[in-house]
Structure formats: C-alpha cells, structure tokens
Amino acid sequence: MTVNIRKAVKDDKVSIARMIERAGLLNRESLPDVENFLIAETVDENIVATIGLEKYGDFGLLRTFVMDTNYWDAKKMMQFFQVVFDYGVKQDLKGLYLLTKRPSFIFQAFGFQTISQTEIPTEMLRSSAVEKAIMNKSVIMFKSL
C-alpha cells in the first residue's frame, strides 16, 4: 500500500487531533496548529503518521510524532523521515531538534545526537513545549541538515 506525504491543511485538524489523542499525547484543550504538521495518508485518505515541525529561525523542532503501528515498518518509517528531512532542507533549516523521554536508537539511526539544553537556540528555549520538556527532564536531540 502506498502513502502520500503532504503538508497538513486546516481540514486535517480533527483527524490529526484524534490520532494524537489516541497515542496519549494530546488533550482537547491543546489541539495542534495543523499548519506545522506533515502527514502520511493512504490512498483512501486514512492518516497513518503525523509529525509537527515548528520553525525557530534557522532551526526546526520536531513535535508529536505519531504513527499507526499496524501500517508502518522500518522501511516506511525511514522513507517518512527522509521526506521530513527533505522538507526541512526546502525550508532552509540548518538542523532539527526533538524532545523525547529517553534516548532513542531509532532517532540515533536517523542521525540525531543527544545534546545539552545549552545548545538549544534561545528562541526555541522560550517556547512552552521546550520549557515543559526541560522541566520533565526530557532528552534533547539534534540533527544537522
């Protein structure tokens, strides 16, 4: 089964919110700004993966990566992330940051390295998501593009 990966539009908001909520990453008070999301959908328009990408100057922050584990395998996930990286390059980003509960081999395989919070751009550090993640002792990872 093939998938189409595209930038989300306003009409995707409810579908994205449902998927993120099912993964336990969202409550109804904090619906995502879908203009910052990329989605992967099947031919029949079922969303099978989503990831947020917020721009902070020359860098991006990847947020809320959710995938339908019934659909995805390692190869498809690698293809999805390659599209995300290519999208970041097209947006003239120099690198991507992400926040996770613990270091992940998957993200390391994609070229991300664990960094300290002192290496995060100031503008990004001021975001509520990053502030909350640091308070929760999340791991910060970075990949140059």
C-alpha atoms as a PDB file:
ATOM      1  CA  MET A   1       0.000   0.000   0.000  1.00  0.00           C
ATOM      2  CA  THR A   2       1.378   3.371  -0.972  1.00  0.00           C
ATOM      3  CA  VAL A   3       1.192   6.561   1.046  1.00  0.00           C
ATOM      4  CA  ASN A   4       1.175  10.205   0.155  1.00  0.00           C
ATOM      5  CA  ILE A   5       3.127  12.553   2.418  1.00  0.00           C
ATOM      6  CA  ARG A   6       1.972  16.144   2.435  1.00  0.00           C
ATOM      7  CA  LYS A   7       1.715  19.298   4.478  1.00  0.00           C
ATOM      8  CA  ALA A   8      -1.437  19.274   6.587  1.00  0.00           C
ATOM      9  CA  VAL A   9      -4.285  21.687   5.916  1.00  0.00           C
ATOM     10  CA  LYS A  10      -6.973  23.044   8.250  1.00  0.00           C
ATOM     11  CA  ASP A  11      -9.410  20.279   7.257  1.00  0.00           C
ATOM     12  CA  ASP A  12      -6.952  17.722   8.727  1.00  0.00           C
ATOM     13  CA  LYS A  13      -7.157  19.183  12.239  1.00  0.00           C
ATOM     14  CA  VAL A  14      -9.761  16.794  13.663  1.00  0.00           C
ATOM     15  CA  SER A  15      -8.110  13.697  12.157  1.00  0.00           C
ATOM     16  CA  ILE A  16      -4.675  14.720  13.427  1.00  0.00           C
ATOM     17  CA  ALA A  17      -6.059  15.527  16.878  1.00  0.00           C
ATOM     18  CA  ARG A  18      -7.790  12.121  17.087  1.00  0.00           C
ATOM     19  CA  MET A  19      -4.615  10.296  16.122  1.00  0.00           C
ATOM     20  CA  ILE A  20      -2.502  12.231  18.621  1.00  0.00           C
ATOM     21  CA  GLU A  21      -5.124  11.786  21.344  1.00  0.00           C
ATOM     22  CA  ARG A  22      -5.269   8.002  20.748  1.00  0.00           C
ATOM     23  CA  ALA A  23      -1.498   7.946  21.282  1.00  0.00           C
ATOM     24  CA  GLY A  24      -1.988   9.682  24.631  1.00  0.00           C
ATOM     25  CA  LEU A  25      -0.113  12.833  23.601  1.00  0.00           C
ATOM     26  CA  LEU A  26      -2.950  15.338  23.465  1.00  0.00           C
ATOM     27  CA  ASN A  27      -5.854  16.597  25.432  1.00  0.00           C
ATOM     28  CA  ARG A  28      -8.748  18.525  23.905  1.00  0.00           C
ATOM     29  CA  GLU A  29      -7.543  21.849  25.353  1.00  0.00           C
ATOM     30  CA  SER A  30      -4.354  21.795  23.273  1.00  0.00           C
ATOM     31  CA  LEU A  31      -5.317  20.971  19.702  1.00  0.00           C
ATOM     32  CA  PRO A  32      -2.354  21.242  17.330  1.00  0.00           C
ATOM     33  CA  ASP A  33      -1.642  24.058  14.897  1.00  0.00           C
ATOM     34  CA  VAL A  34      -2.001  21.828  11.845  1.00  0.00           C
ATOM     35  CA  GLU A  35      -0.163  24.195   9.520  1.00  0.00           C
ATOM     36  CA  ASN A  36       3.026  22.952  11.226  1.00  0.00           C
ATOM     37  CA  PHE A  37       2.323  19.281  10.521  1.00  0.00           C
ATOM     38  CA  LEU A  38       3.244  16.808   7.828  1.00  0.00           C
ATOM     39  CA  ILE A  39       1.026  13.778   7.407  1.00  0.00           C
ATOM     40  CA  ALA A  40       1.271  10.440   5.655  1.00  0.00           C
ATOM     41  CA  GLU A  41      -2.009   9.114   4.356  1.00  0.00           C
ATOM     42  CA  THR A  42      -3.135   6.070   2.424  1.00  0.00           C
ATOM     43  CA  VAL A  43      -4.821   6.233  -0.964  1.00  0.00           C
ATOM     44  CA  ASP A  44      -8.195   6.203   0.811  1.00  0.00           C
ATOM     45  CA  GLU A  45      -7.042   9.231   2.867  1.00  0.00           C
ATOM     46  CA  ASN A  46      -6.529   7.485   6.207  1.00  0.00           C
ATOM     47  CA  ILE A  47      -3.781   9.242   8.146  1.00  0.00           C
ATOM     48  CA  VAL A  48      -1.131   6.693   9.155  1.00  0.00           C
ATOM     49  CA  ALA A  49       1.549   9.050  10.504  1.00  0.00           C
ATOM     50  CA  THR A  50       1.946  12.642  11.521  1.00  0.00           C
ATOM     51  CA  ILE A  51       4.716  14.875  12.797  1.00  0.00           C
ATOM     52  CA  GLY A  52       4.834  18.532  13.730  1.00  0.00           C
ATOM     53  CA  LEU A  53       7.680  20.755  12.584  1.00  0.00           C
ATOM     54  CA  GLU A  54       7.875  24.207  14.156  1.00  0.00           C
ATOM     55  CA  LYS A  55      10.344  26.752  12.777  1.00  0.00           C
ATOM     56  CA  TYR A  56      12.537  28.802  15.098  1.00  0.00           C
ATOM     57  CA  GLY A  57      14.810  30.919  12.948  1.00  0.00           C
ATOM     58  CA  ASP A  58      17.167  28.602  11.057  1.00  0.00           C
ATOM     59  CA  PHE A  59      16.127  25.512  13.018  1.00  0.00           C
ATOM     60  CA  GLY A  60      13.119  23.271  13.362  1.00  0.00           C
ATOM     61  CA  LEU A  61      11.627  21.474  16.336  1.00  0.00           C
ATOM     62  CA  LEU A  62      10.025  18.117  15.568  1.00  0.00           C
ATOM     63  CA  ARG A  63       6.943  17.527  17.702  1.00  0.00           C
ATOM     64  CA  THR A  64       4.302  14.922  18.246  1.00  0.00           C
ATOM     65  CA  PHE A  65       5.476  12.094  16.004  1.00  0.00           C
ATOM     66  CA  VAL A  66       2.675   9.529  15.895  1.00  0.00           C
ATOM     67  CA  MET A  67       2.328   6.539  13.603  1.00  0.00           C
ATOM     68  CA  ASP A  68      -0.173   3.756  13.120  1.00  0.00           C
ATOM     69  CA  THR A  69       1.925   0.751  14.125  1.00  0.00           C
ATOM     70  CA  ASN A  70      -0.393  -1.585  12.209  1.00  0.00           C
ATOM     71  CA  TYR A  71       0.720   0.058   8.986  1.00  0.00           C
ATOM     72  CA  TRP A  72       4.361   1.049   9.446  1.00  0.00           C
ATOM     73  CA  ASP A  73       7.539  -0.961   9.136  1.00  0.00           C
ATOM     74  CA  ALA A  74      11.152   0.192   9.363  1.00  0.00           C
ATOM     75  CA  LYS A  75      11.462   0.902   5.641  1.00  0.00           C
ATOM     76  CA  LYS A  76       8.317   3.048   5.508  1.00  0.00           C
ATOM     77  CA  MET A  77       9.386   4.936   8.620  1.00  0.00           C
ATOM     78  CA  MET A  78      12.795   5.678   7.084  1.00  0.00           C
ATOM     79  CA  GLN A  79      11.084   6.967   3.935  1.00  0.00           C
ATOM     80  CA  PHE A  80       8.756   9.149   6.019  1.00  0.00           C
ATOM     81  CA  PHE A  81      11.630  10.691   7.949  1.00  0.00           C
ATOM     82  CA  GLN A  82      13.612  11.271   4.760  1.00  0.00           C
ATOM     83  CA  VAL A  83      10.676  13.297   3.436  1.00  0.00           C
ATOM     84  CA  VAL A  84      10.623  15.235   6.726  1.00  0.00           C
ATOM     85  CA  PHE A  85      14.361  15.952   6.412  1.00  0.00           C
ATOM     86  CA  ASP A  86      13.976  16.981   2.761  1.00  0.00           C
ATOM     87  CA  TYR A  87      11.115  19.280   3.754  1.00  0.00           C
ATOM     88  CA  GLY A  88      13.361  20.866   6.390  1.00  0.00           C
ATOM     89  CA  VAL A  89      16.046  21.472   3.769  1.00  0.00           C
ATOM     90  CA  LYS A  90      13.471  23.069   1.450  1.00  0.00           C
ATOM     91  CA  GLN A  91      12.500  25.333   4.354  1.00  0.00           C
ATOM     92  CA  ASP A  92      16.178  26.409   4.578  1.00  0.00           C
ATOM     93  CA  LEU A  93      16.601  24.889   8.033  1.00  0.00           C
ATOM     94  CA  LYS A  94      20.127  24.170   9.247  1.00  0.00           C
ATOM     95  CA  GLY A  95      19.063  21.436  11.641  1.00  0.00           C
ATOM     96  CA  LEU A  96      16.263  19.762  13.553  1.00  0.00           C
ATOM     97  CA  TYR A  97      15.734  19.325  17.277  1.00  0.00           C
ATOM     98  CA  LEU A  98      13.451  16.879  19.021  1.00  0.00           C
ATOM     99  CA  LEU A  99      12.472  16.142  22.595  1.00  0.00           C
ATOM    100  CA  THR A 100      11.944  12.616  23.866  1.00  0.00           C
ATOM    101  CA  LYS A 101      11.530  10.852  27.191  1.00  0.00           C
ATOM    102  CA  ARG A 102      14.711   8.822  26.679  1.00  0.00           C
ATOM    103  CA  PRO A 103      17.434   8.490  24.057  1.00  0.00           C
ATOM    104  CA  SER A 104      16.103   6.503  21.126  1.00  0.00           C
ATOM    105  CA  PHE A 105      18.075   4.193  18.892  1.00  0.00           C
ATOM    106  CA  ILE A 106      15.603   4.979  16.114  1.00  0.00           C
ATOM    107  CA  PHE A 107      16.394   8.684  16.232  1.00  0.00           C
ATOM    108  CA  GLN A 108      20.120   7.949  16.533  1.00  0.00           C
ATOM    109  CA  ALA A 109      19.843   5.796  13.398  1.00  0.00           C
ATOM    110  CA  PHE A 110      18.413   8.860  11.619  1.00  0.00           C
ATOM    111  CA  GLY A 111      21.463  10.900  12.642  1.00  0.00           C
ATOM    112  CA  PHE A 112      20.185  12.603  15.805  1.00  0.00           C
ATOM    113  CA  GLN A 113      22.580  13.061  18.711  1.00  0.00           C
ATOM    114  CA  THR A 114      21.792  13.811  22.339  1.00  0.00           C
ATOM    115  CA  ILE A 115      22.737  17.370  23.304  1.00  0.00           C
ATOM    116  CA  SER A 116      22.507  19.589  26.377  1.00  0.00           C
ATOM    117  CA  GLN A 117      19.888  22.294  26.790  1.00  0.00           C
ATOM    118  CA  THR A 118      22.619  24.941  26.469  1.00  0.00           C
ATOM    119  CA  GLU A 119      22.873  24.010  22.783  1.00  0.00           C
ATOM    120  CA  ILE A 120      19.238  24.898  22.016  1.00  0.00           C
ATOM    121  CA  PRO A 121      18.672  28.234  20.231  1.00  0.00           C
ATOM    122  CA  THR A 122      17.370  30.912  22.611  1.00  0.00           C
ATOM    123  CA  GLU A 123      14.161  31.465  20.639  1.00  0.00           C
ATOM    124  CA  MET A 124      13.338  27.766  20.854  1.00  0.00           C
ATOM    125  CA  LEU A 125      14.207  27.622  24.560  1.00  0.00           C
ATOM    126  CA  ARG A 126      11.479  30.187  25.214  1.00  0.00           C
ATOM    127  CA  SER A 127       8.739  28.009  23.723  1.00  0.00           C
ATOM    128  CA  SER A 128       6.350  26.472  26.240  1.00  0.00           C
ATOM    129  CA  ALA A 129       6.904  22.989  24.762  1.00  0.00           C
ATOM    130  CA  VAL A 130      10.670  23.139  25.302  1.00  0.00           C
ATOM    131  CA  GLU A 131      10.330  24.715  28.753  1.00  0.00           C
ATOM    132  CA  LYS A 132       7.929  21.937  29.789  1.00  0.00           C
ATOM    133  CA  ALA A 133      10.171  19.232  28.322  1.00  0.00           C
ATOM    134  CA  ILE A 134      13.204  20.549  30.195  1.00  0.00           C
ATOM    135  CA  MET A 135      11.209  20.632  33.455  1.00  0.00           C
ATOM    136  CA  ASN A 136      10.217  17.000  32.788  1.00  0.00           C
ATOM    137  CA  LYS A 137      13.882  16.107  32.177  1.00  0.00           C
ATOM    138  CA  SER A 138      13.284  15.142  28.548  1.00  0.00           C
ATOM    139  CA  VAL A 139      16.211  14.207  26.348  1.00  0.00           C
ATOM    140  CA  ILE A 140      17.104  16.786  23.687  1.00  0.00           C
ATOM    141  CA  MET A 141      18.376  15.511  20.354  1.00  0.00           C
ATOM    142  CA  PHE A 142      19.716  17.348  17.289  1.00  0.00           C
ATOM    143  CA  LYS A 143      20.431  16.536  13.649  1.00  0.00           C
ATOM    144  CA  SER A 144      22.141  18.831  11.157  1.00  0.00           C
ATOM    145  CA  LEU A 145      20.538  19.105   7.759  1.00  0.00           C
END
